[in-house]
C-alpha atoms as a PDB file:
ATOM      1  CA  MET A   1       5.213  24.457  28.685  1.00  0.00           C
ATOM      2  CA  ASN A   2       1.871  25.808  29.829  1.00  0.00           C
ATOM      3  CA  THR A   3      -0.059  23.898  32.455  1.00  0.00           C
ATOM      4  CA  MET A   4      -2.973  22.866  30.241  1.00  0.00           C
ATOM      5  CA  ARG A   5      -0.673  21.408  27.563  1.00  0.00           C
ATOM      6  CA  ALA A   6       1.278  19.489  30.181  1.00  0.00           C
ATOM      7  CA  ILE A   7      -1.921  17.998  31.579  1.00  0.00           C
ATOM      8  CA  ALA A   8      -3.125  17.090  28.088  1.00  0.00           C
ATOM      9  CA  LEU A   9       0.126  15.298  27.292  1.00  0.00           C
ATOM     10  CA  LEU A  10      -0.011  13.345  30.523  1.00  0.00           C
ATOM     11  CA  LEU A  11      -3.588  12.271  29.803  1.00  0.00           C
ATOM     12  CA  VAL A  12      -2.669  11.121  26.283  1.00  0.00           C
ATOM     13  CA  ALA A  13       0.250   9.102  27.611  1.00  0.00           C
ATOM     14  CA  ALA A  14      -1.924   7.558  30.316  1.00  0.00           C
ATOM     15  CA  VAL A  15      -4.662   6.554  27.888  1.00  0.00           C
ATOM     16  CA  LEU A  16      -2.328   5.185  25.232  1.00  0.00           C
ATOM     17  CA  ASN A  17       0.158   3.699  27.680  1.00  0.00           C
ATOM     18  CA  PHE A  18       1.978   2.976  24.417  1.00  0.00           C
ATOM     19  CA  ASN A  19       0.519  -0.488  24.057  1.00  0.00           C
ATOM     20  CA  PRO A  20       0.106  -1.517  20.403  1.00  0.00           C
ATOM     21  CA  PRO A  21      -3.495  -1.069  19.239  1.00  0.00           C
ATOM     22  CA  THR A  22      -5.730  -4.007  18.462  1.00  0.00           C
ATOM     23  CA  VAL A  23      -6.933  -4.160  14.863  1.00  0.00           C
ATOM     24  CA  GLU A  24      -9.918  -6.011  13.492  1.00  0.00           C
ATOM     25  CA  THR A  25      -9.377  -8.596  10.760  1.00  0.00           C
ATOM     26  CA  ALA A  26     -10.275  -7.561   7.218  1.00  0.00           C
ATOM     27  CA  PRO A  27     -13.359  -9.554   6.116  1.00  0.00           C
ATOM     28  CA  HIS A  28     -12.973  -8.993   2.364  1.00  0.00           C
ATOM     29  CA  PRO A  29      -9.699  -7.257   1.526  1.00  0.00           C
ATOM     30  CA  LYS A  30      -9.570  -5.471  -1.814  1.00  0.00           C
ATOM     31  CA  GLN A  31      -6.509  -6.584  -3.746  1.00  0.00           C
ATOM     32  CA  VAL A  32      -4.315  -4.016  -5.484  1.00  0.00           C
ATOM     33  CA  ARG A  33      -2.523  -5.035  -8.655  1.00  0.00           C
ATOM     34  CA  LYS A  34       0.252  -2.435  -8.871  1.00  0.00           C
ATOM     35  CA  ILE A  35       1.522   0.493  -6.835  1.00  0.00           C
ATOM     36  CA  HIS A  36       2.646   3.835  -8.325  1.00  0.00           C
ATOM     37  CA  THR A  37       4.636   6.302  -6.238  1.00  0.00           C
ATOM     38  CA  VAL A  38       5.544   9.988  -6.227  1.00  0.00           C
ATOM     39  CA  ALA A  39       7.887  10.962  -3.376  1.00  0.00           C
ATOM     40  CA  VAL A  40       8.825  14.577  -2.688  1.00  0.00           C
ATOM     41  CA  GLY A  41      11.437  15.949  -0.296  1.00  0.00           C
ATOM     42  CA  VAL A  42      12.431  19.598   0.156  1.00  0.00           C
ATOM     43  CA  ASP A  43      15.034  20.475   2.761  1.00  0.00           C
ATOM     44  CA  ILE A  44      15.322  23.695   4.736  1.00  0.00           C
ATOM     45  CA  ASN A  45      16.111  26.525   2.292  1.00  0.00           C
ATOM     46  CA  ASP A  46      16.509  23.820  -0.369  1.00  0.00           C
ATOM     47  CA  SER A  47      19.898  23.066   1.191  1.00  0.00           C
ATOM     48  CA  SER A  48      21.490  19.664   0.638  1.00  0.00           C
ATOM     49  CA  CYS A  49      23.426  19.994   3.895  1.00  0.00           C
ATOM     50  CA  ASP A  50      20.285  19.294   5.901  1.00  0.00           C
ATOM     51  CA  ASN A  51      18.871  16.108   4.392  1.00  0.00           C
ATOM     52  CA  ALA A  52      16.183  15.315   6.953  1.00  0.00           C
ATOM     53  CA  PHE A  53      13.347  15.839   4.481  1.00  0.00           C
ATOM     54  CA  THR A  54      15.028  14.475   1.376  1.00  0.00           C
ATOM     55  CA  GLY A  55      16.280  11.467   3.319  1.00  0.00           C
ATOM     56  CA  ASP A  56      12.763  10.522   4.392  1.00  0.00           C
ATOM     57  CA  ALA A  57      11.454  10.904   0.836  1.00  0.00           C
ATOM     58  CA  THR A  58      14.286   8.759  -0.504  1.00  0.00           C
ATOM     59  CA  ASN A  59      13.592   6.029   2.063  1.00  0.00           C
ATOM     60  CA  ILE A  60       9.899   5.894   1.184  1.00  0.00           C
ATOM     61  CA  ALA A  61      10.687   5.718  -2.537  1.00  0.00           C
ATOM     62  CA  THR A  62      13.179   2.917  -1.878  1.00  0.00           C
ATOM     63  CA  ILE A  63      10.693   0.870   0.158  1.00  0.00           C
ATOM     64  CA  LEU A  64       8.095   1.238  -2.596  1.00  0.00           C
ATOM     65  CA  LYS A  65      10.705   0.441  -5.275  1.00  0.00           C
ATOM     66  CA  SER A  66      10.182   3.696  -7.120  1.00  0.00           C
ATOM     67  CA  ASP A  67      12.563   6.111  -8.822  1.00  0.00           C
ATOM     68  CA  ASN A  68       9.790   8.695  -9.197  1.00  0.00           C
ATOM     69  CA  ILE A  69      11.286  11.027  -6.614  1.00  0.00           C
ATOM     70  CA  PHE A  70      11.653  14.800  -6.591  1.00  0.00           C
ATOM     71  CA  ILE A  71      14.319  16.341  -4.361  1.00  0.00           C
ATOM     72  CA  ASN A  72      14.953  20.029  -3.620  1.00  0.00           C
ATOM     73  CA  ASP A  73      15.297  21.958  -6.914  1.00  0.00           C
ATOM     74  CA  GLN A  74      13.522  19.154  -8.796  1.00  0.00           C
ATOM     75  CA  ALA A  75      10.562  19.486  -6.466  1.00  0.00           C
ATOM     76  CA  THR A  76       8.702  22.299  -8.191  1.00  0.00           C
ATOM     77  CA  LYS A  77       4.927  22.509  -8.192  1.00  0.00           C
ATOM     78  CA  GLU A  78       4.877  21.985 -11.942  1.00  0.00           C
ATOM     79  CA  ASN A  79       7.048  18.852 -11.763  1.00  0.00           C
ATOM     80  CA  VAL A  80       5.073  17.297  -8.927  1.00  0.00           C
ATOM     81  CA  LEU A  81       1.645  17.877 -10.464  1.00  0.00           C
ATOM     82  CA  LYS A  82       2.874  16.637 -13.836  1.00  0.00           C
ATOM     83  CA  ALA A  83       4.306  13.499 -12.226  1.00  0.00           C
ATOM     84  CA  ILE A  84       0.943  12.686 -10.637  1.00  0.00           C
ATOM     85  CA  ALA A  85      -0.915  13.327 -13.890  1.00  0.00           C
ATOM     86  CA  ASP A  86       1.556  11.187 -15.874  1.00  0.00           C
ATOM     87  CA  LEU A  87       1.200   8.084 -13.698  1.00  0.00           C
ATOM     88  CA  LYS A  88      -1.620   6.605 -15.813  1.00  0.00           C
ATOM     89  CA  PRO A  89      -2.656   3.880 -13.336  1.00  0.00           C
ATOM     90  CA  ASP A  90      -5.382   1.324 -13.964  1.00  0.00           C
ATOM     91  CA  PRO A  91      -8.529   1.348 -11.783  1.00  0.00           C
ATOM     92  CA  ASN A  92      -7.219  -1.621  -9.740  1.00  0.00           C
ATOM     93  CA  ASP A  93      -3.871   0.026  -9.017  1.00  0.00           C
ATOM     94  CA  LEU A  94      -2.846   2.209  -6.069  1.00  0.00           C
ATOM     95  CA  VAL A  95      -1.062   5.567  -6.091  1.00  0.00           C
ATOM     96  CA  VAL A  96       1.060   6.639  -3.108  1.00  0.00           C
ATOM     97  CA  VAL A  97       2.109  10.289  -2.861  1.00  0.00           C
ATOM     98  CA  PHE A  98       4.504  11.220  -0.053  1.00  0.00           C
ATOM     99  CA  PHE A  99       5.666  14.691   0.970  1.00  0.00           C
ATOM    100  CA  SER A 100       8.424  15.565   3.414  1.00  0.00           C
ATOM    101  CA  ALA A 101       8.700  19.345   3.486  1.00  0.00           C
ATOM    102  CA  HIS A 102       7.477  22.468   5.236  1.00  0.00           C
ATOM    103  CA  GLY A 103       3.733  22.975   5.521  1.00  0.00           C
ATOM    104  CA  GLU A 104       1.736  26.019   6.536  1.00  0.00           C
ATOM    105  CA  ILE A 105      -1.790  27.420   6.384  1.00  0.00           C
ATOM    106  CA  ASP A 106      -2.931  30.606   4.645  1.00  0.00           C
ATOM    107  CA  LYS A 107      -6.695  30.011   4.527  1.00  0.00           C
ATOM    108  CA  ASP A 108      -5.808  26.756   2.722  1.00  0.00           C
ATOM    109  CA  TYR A 109      -3.102  24.263   3.649  1.00  0.00           C
ATOM    110  CA  TYR A 110      -0.008  24.450   1.458  1.00  0.00           C
ATOM    111  CA  ILE A 111       3.323  22.683   1.015  1.00  0.00           C
ATOM    112  CA  MET A 112       6.470  24.748   0.447  1.00  0.00           C
ATOM    113  CA  LEU A 113       8.218  23.419  -2.643  1.00  0.00           C
ATOM    114  CA  HIS A 114      11.271  24.676  -4.531  1.00  0.00           C
ATOM    115  CA  GLY A 115      11.154  28.407  -5.236  1.00  0.00           C
ATOM    116  CA  SER A 116       8.582  29.237  -2.582  1.00  0.00           C
ATOM    117  CA  GLY A 117      10.895  31.387  -0.478  1.00  0.00           C
ATOM    118  CA  GLY A 118      10.505  34.678  -2.364  1.00  0.00           C
ATOM    119  CA  ASP A 119       7.915  37.438  -2.584  1.00  0.00           C
ATOM    120  CA  ASP A 120       5.978  35.445  -5.198  1.00  0.00           C
ATOM    121  CA  TRP A 121       5.830  32.371  -2.960  1.00  0.00           C
ATOM    122  CA  LYS A 122       2.124  31.842  -3.545  1.00  0.00           C
ATOM    123  CA  LYS A 123       2.853  30.840  -7.140  1.00  0.00           C
ATOM    124  CA  HIS A 124       5.323  28.160  -6.092  1.00  0.00           C
ATOM    125  CA  VAL A 125       3.711  26.450  -3.121  1.00  0.00           C
ATOM    126  CA  LEU A 126       1.424  23.483  -3.663  1.00  0.00           C
ATOM    127  CA  TRP A 127      -2.009  24.329  -2.307  1.00  0.00           C
ATOM    128  CA  GLY A 128      -4.245  21.735  -0.738  1.00  0.00           C
ATOM    129  CA  LYS A 129      -6.941  22.409  -3.326  1.00  0.00           C
ATOM    130  CA  GLU A 130      -4.491  21.762  -6.172  1.00  0.00           C
ATOM    131  CA  LEU A 131      -3.358  18.512  -4.589  1.00  0.00           C
ATOM    132  CA  LYS A 132      -6.956  17.420  -4.019  1.00  0.00           C
ATOM    133  CA  ASN A 133      -7.860  18.090  -7.650  1.00  0.00           C
ATOM    134  CA  ALA A 134      -4.839  16.148  -8.920  1.00  0.00           C
ATOM    135  CA  LEU A 135      -5.686  13.085  -6.832  1.00  0.00           C
ATOM    136  CA  ASN A 136      -9.406  13.233  -7.578  1.00  0.00           C
ATOM    137  CA  LYS A 137      -8.623  12.916 -11.294  1.00  0.00           C
ATOM    138  CA  LEU A 138      -6.929   9.548 -10.808  1.00  0.00           C
ATOM    139  CA  PRO A 139      -8.952   6.475 -11.837  1.00  0.00           C
ATOM    140  CA  CYS A 140      -7.766   4.485  -8.798  1.00  0.00           C
ATOM    141  CA  PRO A 141      -7.446   4.862  -5.016  1.00  0.00           C
ATOM    142  CA  SER A 142      -4.523   6.792  -3.580  1.00  0.00           C
ATOM    143  CA  ILE A 143      -2.672   7.266  -0.311  1.00  0.00           C
ATOM    144  CA  LEU A 144      -1.536  10.792   0.500  1.00  0.00           C
ATOM    145  CA  ALA A 145       1.114  10.774   3.235  1.00  0.00           C
ATOM    146  CA  LEU A 146       2.060  14.214   4.537  1.00  0.00           C
ATOM    147  CA  ASP A 147       5.085  14.674   6.769  1.00  0.00           C
ATOM    148  CA  THR A 148       4.779  18.439   7.183  1.00  0.00           C
ATOM    149  CA  CYS A 149       3.698  20.888   9.824  1.00  0.00           C
ATOM    150  CA  CYS A 150      -0.056  21.624   9.777  1.00  0.00           C
ATOM    151  CA  ALA A 151      -0.644  18.431   7.746  1.00  0.00           C
ATOM    152  CA  GLY A 152      -3.988  17.715   9.403  1.00  0.00           C
ATOM    153  CA  ALA A 153      -5.449  20.733   7.600  1.00  0.00           C
ATOM    154  CA  MET A 154      -5.526  18.633   4.429  1.00  0.00           C
ATOM    155  CA  LEU A 155      -8.368  16.618   5.948  1.00  0.00           C
ATOM    156  CA  ARG A 156     -10.628  19.615   5.319  1.00  0.00           C
ATOM    157  CA  HIS A 157     -10.640  18.658   1.647  1.00  0.00           C
ATOM    158  CA  LYS A 158     -13.075  16.010   0.471  1.00  0.00           C
ATOM    159  CA  MET A 159     -11.423  13.164  -1.412  1.00  0.00           C
ATOM    160  CA  ASP A 160     -13.553  10.057  -1.838  1.00  0.00           C
ATOM    161  CA  LYS A 161     -10.769   7.895  -3.299  1.00  0.00           C
ATOM    162  CA  THR A 162      -7.863   9.095  -1.162  1.00  0.00           C
ATOM    163  CA  ILE A 163      -6.576   7.801   2.168  1.00  0.00           C
ATOM    164  CA  VAL A 164      -4.936  10.694   4.018  1.00  0.00           C
ATOM    165  CA  LEU A 165      -2.157  10.069   6.528  1.00  0.00           C
ATOM    166  CA  ALA A 166      -1.157  13.338   8.212  1.00  0.00           C
ATOM    167  CA  ALA A 167       1.852  13.619  10.509  1.00  0.00           C
ATOM    168  CA  CYS A 168       0.160  16.070  12.870  1.00  0.00           C
ATOM    169  CA  MET A 169      -2.936  18.129  13.526  1.00  0.00           C
ATOM    170  CA  ALA A 170      -3.579  21.376  11.654  1.00  0.00           C
ATOM    171  CA  GLU A 171      -2.290  23.500  14.539  1.00  0.00           C
ATOM    172  CA  GLU A 172       0.775  21.360  15.257  1.00  0.00           C
ATOM    173  CA  SER A 173       4.332  21.004  14.008  1.00  0.00           C
ATOM    174  CA  SER A 174       5.896  17.804  12.696  1.00  0.00           C
ATOM    175  CA  TYR A 175       9.183  17.101  14.440  1.00  0.00           C
ATOM    176  CA  GLY A 176      12.252  14.930  14.244  1.00  0.00           C
ATOM    177  CA  GLU A 177      15.252  13.930  12.175  1.00  0.00           C
ATOM    178  CA  PRO A 178      14.294  11.504  10.836  1.00  0.00           C
ATOM    179  CA  GLY A 179      10.644  12.344  11.386  1.00  0.00           C
ATOM    180  CA  PRO A 180       8.640  10.059  13.707  1.00  0.00           C
ATOM    181  CA  PHE A 181       5.860   9.949  11.107  1.00  0.00           C
ATOM    182  CA  ALA A 182       8.228   8.932   8.311  1.00  0.00           C
ATOM    183  CA  VAL A 183       9.782   6.214  10.465  1.00  0.00           C
ATOM    184  CA  ALA A 184       6.372   4.812  11.451  1.00  0.00           C
ATOM    185  CA  LEU A 185       5.212   4.899   7.821  1.00  0.00           C
ATOM    186  CA  GLN A 186       8.352   3.117   6.638  1.00  0.00           C
ATOM    187  CA  GLU A 187       7.935   0.402   9.281  1.00  0.00           C
ATOM    188  CA  GLY A 188       4.274  -0.046   8.444  1.00  0.00           C
ATOM    189  CA  LEU A 189       4.942  -0.370   4.711  1.00  0.00           C
ATOM    190  CA  GLU A 190       7.722  -2.875   5.406  1.00  0.00           C
ATOM    191  CA  GLY A 191       5.194  -5.182   7.072  1.00  0.00           C
ATOM    192  CA  LYS A 192       5.117  -4.275  10.752  1.00  0.00           C
ATOM    193  CA  ALA A 193       1.545  -3.043  10.322  1.00  0.00           C
ATOM    194  CA  ASP A 194       0.381  -6.575   9.428  1.00  0.00           C
ATOM    195  CA  TYR A 195      -1.416  -6.995  12.752  1.00  0.00           C
ATOM    196  CA  ASP A 196      -3.373 -10.120  11.795  1.00  0.00           C
ATOM    197  CA  GLU A 197      -0.257 -11.705  10.263  1.00  0.00           C
ATOM    198  CA  ASP A 198      -2.018 -12.684   7.042  1.00  0.00           C
ATOM    199  CA  GLY A 199       0.877 -11.550   4.850  1.00  0.00           C
ATOM    200  CA  THR A 200      -0.753  -8.304   3.716  1.00  0.00           C
ATOM    201  CA  VAL A 201      -1.082  -4.785   5.089  1.00  0.00           C
ATOM    202  CA  THR A 202      -4.432  -3.073   4.669  1.00  0.00           C
ATOM    203  CA  ALA A 203      -5.052   0.663   4.647  1.00  0.00           C
ATOM    204  CA  TYR A 204      -6.743   0.319   8.038  1.00  0.00           C
ATOM    205  CA  GLU A 205      -3.782  -1.551   9.533  1.00  0.00           C
ATOM    206  CA  LEU A 206      -1.319   0.992   8.139  1.00  0.00           C
ATOM    207  CA  SER A 207      -3.388   3.877   9.458  1.00  0.00           C
ATOM    208  CA  ARG A 208      -3.560   2.383  12.947  1.00  0.00           C
ATOM    209  CA  TYR A 209       0.155   1.640  12.977  1.00  0.00           C
ATOM    210  CA  VAL A 210       1.171   5.092  11.778  1.00  0.00           C
ATOM    211  CA  LYS A 211      -1.097   6.891  14.257  1.00  0.00           C
ATOM    212  CA  PHE A 212       0.090   4.890  17.237  1.00  0.00           C
ATOM    213  CA  TYR A 213       3.823   4.782  16.541  1.00  0.00           C
ATOM    214  CA  THR A 214       4.128   8.370  15.349  1.00  0.00           C
ATOM    215  CA  ALA A 215       2.691   9.509  18.672  1.00  0.00           C
ATOM    216  CA  LYS A 216       4.968   7.098  20.518  1.00  0.00           C
ATOM    217  CA  TYR A 217       8.165   8.085  18.692  1.00  0.00           C
ATOM    218  CA  ALA A 218       7.300  11.785  19.008  1.00  0.00           C
ATOM    219  CA  GLU A 219       6.575  11.286  22.714  1.00  0.00           C
ATOM    220  CA  SER A 220       3.086  12.734  22.139  1.00  0.00           C
ATOM    221  CA  TRP A 221       4.426  16.078  20.912  1.00  0.00           C
ATOM    222  CA  GLN A 222       2.516  15.650  17.678  1.00  0.00           C
ATOM    223  CA  THR A 223      -0.827  14.001  17.037  1.00  0.00           C
ATOM    224  CA  PRO A 224      -1.126  12.227  13.677  1.00  0.00           C
ATOM    225  CA  GLU A 225      -4.497  12.233  11.958  1.00  0.00           C
ATOM    226  CA  THR A 226      -5.818   9.895   9.292  1.00  0.00           C
ATOM    227  CA  ARG A 227      -8.901   9.547   7.142  1.00  0.00           C
ATOM    228  CA  ILE A 228      -9.931   6.450   5.220  1.00  0.00           C
ATOM    229  CA  PRO A 229     -12.990   6.395   2.940  1.00  0.00           C
ATOM    230  CA  LYS A 230     -15.186   3.536   4.144  1.00  0.00           C
ATOM    231  CA  LYS A 231     -14.890   1.627   0.862  1.00  0.00           C
ATOM    232  CA  LEU A 232     -11.084   1.684   1.116  1.00  0.00           C
ATOM    233  CA  LYS A 233     -10.738   0.485   4.716  1.00  0.00           C
ATOM    234  CA  TYR A 234      -9.521  -2.984   3.703  1.00  0.00           C
ATOM    235  CA  LEU A 235      -7.577  -1.996   0.620  1.00  0.00           C
ATOM    236  CA  THR A 236      -4.375  -4.066   0.562  1.00  0.00           C
ATOM    237  CA  ILE A 237      -1.001  -2.461  -0.044  1.00  0.00           C
ATOM    238  CA  PRO A 238       1.283  -4.744  -2.126  1.00  0.00           C
END
């Protein structure tokens, strides 16, 4: 470990001291009627023997009571984009899209889906721009949760109706089995992010919980990033 990185990690640990963050109370939470989910998990080399990624995707789908899950060879770009387009939510609903896979950057951020290991890989990966366009077409707010390396690069895309939860910064890797980000997200969705104990979890509470506990579980080796459009800060997650 180089000296500068070691110093940076020590400073982060000292500042955080891993004390749970304080969260302001939502003044006027926006109620969500129904949640729609697309969960995607692609293991290393699409191999079922290493289920770190598919396991996290399955857990998220289970928590959100959804069978709209795409694993390994089902997780093609075409299937995922079609699944998002076919959701047909109402304006007062919420869409949650979760990815647990490999992520990289080639000018744009991309997620490696099934079939992206060959010479024609650019046709099979899901580019950040494509994902942005799919979510921008939805009539309701969405949460995009990315448990991939380089996930923070997705924040470069402007999405006025999408809350982005990224497992790490653009130049970082996302570690763990199961992933610290996935564990923190699962806990937050299950209710641990209800800081004000009012029986609901807002987007702001979930974001704070995921950022703090991902860093804690990863021992500061990855730095989660989030972005919440101002109008969605107190969106409630049913």
